[in-house]
N, C-alpha and C. Protein backbone atom coordinates (compact mmCIF):
# COMPACT_ATOMS: atom_id res chain seq x y z
N UNK A 1 52.70 97.04 187.15
CA UNK A 1 52.92 96.83 188.90
C UNK A 1 54.45 97.22 189.03
N UNK A 2 54.95 97.62 190.43
CA UNK A 2 56.47 97.62 190.72
C UNK A 2 56.99 96.72 190.96
N UNK A 3 58.37 96.47 190.97
CA UNK A 3 59.25 95.41 191.70
C UNK A 3 60.06 95.97 193.16
N UNK A 4 60.02 95.14 193.82
CA UNK A 4 60.58 95.49 194.99
C UNK A 4 61.73 94.38 194.98
N UNK A 5 62.59 94.85 196.16
CA UNK A 5 63.49 94.22 196.81
C UNK A 5 63.52 94.00 198.12
N UNK A 6 63.77 92.87 198.83
CA UNK A 6 63.95 93.26 200.28
C UNK A 6 65.36 93.02 201.06
N UNK A 7 65.62 94.07 201.72
CA UNK A 7 66.99 93.82 202.24
C UNK A 7 67.16 93.17 203.41
N UNK A 8 66.98 91.58 203.24
CA UNK A 8 67.17 90.86 204.30
C UNK A 8 68.79 90.40 204.27
N UNK A 9 69.46 90.69 203.40
CA UNK A 9 70.91 90.11 203.51
C UNK A 9 71.32 91.53 204.43
N UNK A 10 71.01 92.41 203.99
CA UNK A 10 71.89 93.51 204.80
C UNK A 10 71.49 93.50 206.44
N UNK A 11 70.27 93.35 206.57
CA UNK A 11 69.80 93.64 207.65
C UNK A 11 69.93 92.45 208.57
N UNK A 12 70.33 91.23 208.13
CA UNK A 12 70.84 89.92 208.52
C UNK A 12 72.37 90.34 208.82
N UNK A 13 73.23 90.62 207.91
CA UNK A 13 74.32 90.91 208.34
C UNK A 13 74.61 91.92 209.25
N UNK A 14 74.11 92.76 209.60
CA UNK A 14 74.39 93.91 210.87
C UNK A 14 74.38 93.17 212.11
N UNK A 15 73.36 92.21 211.93
CA UNK A 15 73.23 91.61 213.25
C UNK A 15 73.99 90.02 213.71
N UNK A 16 74.72 89.83 212.31
CA UNK A 16 75.46 88.54 212.21
C UNK A 16 75.11 87.64 211.99
N UNK A 17 73.75 87.56 211.64
CA UNK A 17 72.91 86.52 211.39
C UNK A 17 73.06 85.80 209.93
N UNK A 18 72.73 84.35 209.89
CA UNK A 18 72.48 83.87 208.40
C UNK A 18 71.07 84.02 207.94
N UNK A 19 71.03 83.42 206.94
CA UNK A 19 69.64 83.73 206.20
C UNK A 19 68.92 82.56 206.93
N UNK A 20 69.30 81.44 207.22
CA UNK A 20 68.96 79.98 208.28
C UNK A 20 68.49 80.51 209.42
N UNK A 21 69.32 81.44 210.19
CA UNK A 21 69.04 82.02 211.51
C UNK A 21 67.86 82.99 211.30
N UNK A 22 67.59 83.77 210.20
CA UNK A 22 66.37 84.64 210.26
C UNK A 22 65.18 83.96 209.84
N UNK A 23 65.40 82.64 209.18
CA UNK A 23 64.12 81.98 209.13
C UNK A 23 63.75 81.25 210.00
N UNK A 24 64.82 80.88 211.28
CA UNK A 24 64.14 80.31 212.06
C UNK A 24 63.92 81.17 213.20
N UNK A 25 64.26 82.28 213.59
CA UNK A 25 63.94 83.35 214.11
C UNK A 25 62.48 84.06 213.87
N UNK A 26 62.47 84.23 212.84
CA UNK A 26 61.14 84.93 211.91
C UNK A 26 59.85 83.72 212.15
N UNK A 27 60.33 82.85 211.78
CA UNK A 27 59.28 81.98 211.35
C UNK A 27 58.96 81.50 209.60
N UNK A 28 59.48 82.53 208.81
CA UNK A 28 59.51 82.56 207.34
C UNK A 28 59.95 81.30 206.94
N UNK A 29 59.59 80.39 206.01
CA UNK A 29 60.12 79.18 205.24
C UNK A 29 61.04 79.70 204.76
N UNK A 30 62.42 78.84 205.23
CA UNK A 30 63.57 79.05 204.55
C UNK A 30 63.73 79.10 203.13
N UNK A 31 63.24 78.27 202.77
CA UNK A 31 63.31 78.16 200.99
C UNK A 31 62.81 79.71 200.55
N UNK A 32 61.67 80.01 201.38
CA UNK A 32 60.93 81.49 200.55
C UNK A 32 61.90 82.38 200.85
N UNK A 33 62.54 82.41 201.97
CA UNK A 33 63.45 83.59 202.52
C UNK A 33 64.48 83.53 201.76
N UNK A 34 65.16 82.30 201.17
CA UNK A 34 66.07 82.53 200.44
C UNK A 34 65.46 83.01 199.04
N UNK A 35 64.64 82.76 198.46
CA UNK A 35 64.28 83.48 197.18
C UNK A 35 64.34 84.63 197.62
N UNK A 36 63.66 85.23 198.41
CA UNK A 36 63.54 86.48 198.47
C UNK A 36 64.74 87.30 198.83
N UNK A 37 65.67 86.65 199.58
CA UNK A 37 67.07 87.27 199.87
C UNK A 37 67.71 87.34 198.57
N UNK A 38 67.57 86.46 197.53
CA UNK A 38 68.43 86.59 196.22
C UNK A 38 67.93 87.25 195.07
N UNK A 39 66.65 87.79 195.22
CA UNK A 39 65.98 88.35 194.03
C UNK A 39 66.44 89.71 193.88
N UNK A 40 66.69 90.27 192.85
CA UNK A 40 66.73 91.84 192.75
C UNK A 40 65.52 92.40 192.40
N UNK A 41 64.64 91.67 192.27
CA UNK A 41 63.44 92.59 192.09
C UNK A 41 62.19 91.25 192.18
N UNK A 42 61.06 91.55 192.71
CA UNK A 42 59.99 90.88 192.94
C UNK A 42 58.88 91.24 192.71
N UNK A 43 57.76 90.90 192.11
CA UNK A 43 56.37 91.43 192.08
C UNK A 43 55.44 91.28 193.29
N UNK A 44 55.34 90.18 193.98
CA UNK A 44 54.68 89.70 194.81
C UNK A 44 55.24 88.88 196.06
N UNK A 45 54.98 89.63 197.05
CA UNK A 45 55.50 89.37 198.49
C UNK A 45 54.33 89.02 199.30
N UNK A 46 54.57 87.75 200.36
CA UNK A 46 53.46 87.61 201.30
C UNK A 46 53.46 88.56 202.52
N UNK A 47 52.28 89.13 202.66
CA UNK A 47 52.25 89.93 203.60
C UNK A 47 52.41 89.48 205.28
N UNK A 48 52.25 88.35 205.22
CA UNK A 48 52.25 87.82 206.71
C UNK A 48 54.27 87.88 206.83
N UNK A 49 54.82 87.49 205.73
CA UNK A 49 56.10 87.22 205.91
C UNK A 49 56.69 88.37 206.24
N UNK A 50 56.31 89.48 205.43
CA UNK A 50 56.82 90.86 205.82
C UNK A 50 57.01 91.29 207.02
N UNK A 51 55.44 91.10 207.55
CA UNK A 51 55.53 91.55 209.07
C UNK A 51 56.48 90.82 209.93
N UNK A 52 56.49 89.30 209.52
CA UNK A 52 57.23 88.65 210.43
C UNK A 52 58.78 89.07 210.56
N UNK A 53 58.99 89.70 209.23
CA UNK A 53 60.34 89.86 208.97
C UNK A 53 60.84 91.43 209.54
N UNK A 54 60.10 92.31 209.23
CA UNK A 54 59.73 93.24 209.87
C UNK A 54 60.03 92.95 211.44
N UNK A 55 59.04 92.50 212.11
CA UNK A 55 59.38 92.00 213.84
C UNK A 55 60.60 91.68 214.05
N UNK A 56 61.40 90.65 213.14
CA UNK A 56 62.60 90.39 213.81
C UNK A 56 63.62 91.02 213.54
N UNK A 57 63.49 92.07 212.50
CA UNK A 57 64.74 92.93 212.33
C UNK A 57 64.40 93.90 213.25
N UNK A 58 62.83 94.27 213.91
CA UNK A 58 62.70 95.46 214.83
C UNK A 58 62.88 96.74 213.95
N UNK A 59 62.21 96.50 212.83
CA UNK A 59 62.00 97.58 211.60
C UNK A 59 60.68 97.88 211.19
N UNK A 60 60.76 99.27 210.57
CA UNK A 60 59.29 99.13 209.89
C UNK A 60 59.58 98.79 208.84
N UNK A 61 57.91 97.91 207.93
CA UNK A 61 58.25 97.47 206.60
C UNK A 61 58.68 98.64 205.49
N UNK A 62 58.55 99.50 205.74
CA UNK A 62 59.49 100.50 204.75
C UNK A 62 60.69 100.36 204.48
N UNK A 63 61.41 99.98 205.84
CA UNK A 63 62.88 99.78 205.93
C UNK A 63 63.38 98.64 205.43
N UNK A 64 62.52 97.31 205.11
CA UNK A 64 62.55 96.39 204.83
C UNK A 64 62.56 96.26 203.29
N UNK A 65 61.96 97.52 202.75
CA UNK A 65 61.61 96.95 201.19
C UNK A 65 62.46 98.50 200.56
N UNK A 66 63.00 97.91 199.46
CA UNK A 66 63.28 98.99 198.42
C UNK A 66 62.83 98.81 196.88
N UNK A 67 62.29 100.00 196.64
CA UNK A 67 61.47 99.91 195.42
C UNK A 67 62.72 99.96 194.40
N UNK A 68 62.39 98.88 193.60
CA UNK A 68 63.41 98.50 192.19
C UNK A 68 63.20 99.12 190.98
N UNK A 69 61.76 98.97 190.76
CA UNK A 69 61.30 99.16 189.42
C UNK A 69 59.56 99.92 189.46
N UNK A 70 59.37 100.89 189.27
CA UNK A 70 57.86 101.09 189.01
C UNK A 70 57.16 101.13 187.67
């Protein structure tokens, strides 16, 4: 199983948003979002959260995810 990293910080910074603002805009729990944003590689991600984040950033899911280990 591979590990992925979510590009939450980069996408938020482009818009001038904090992680808290991303949580408020997306509806993804703030503590979950902090965990995703800080992690250098995670194995399991909530699919609903991915969809919400892709929508709030107006990007495809593929643009939100970076594979760090396969």
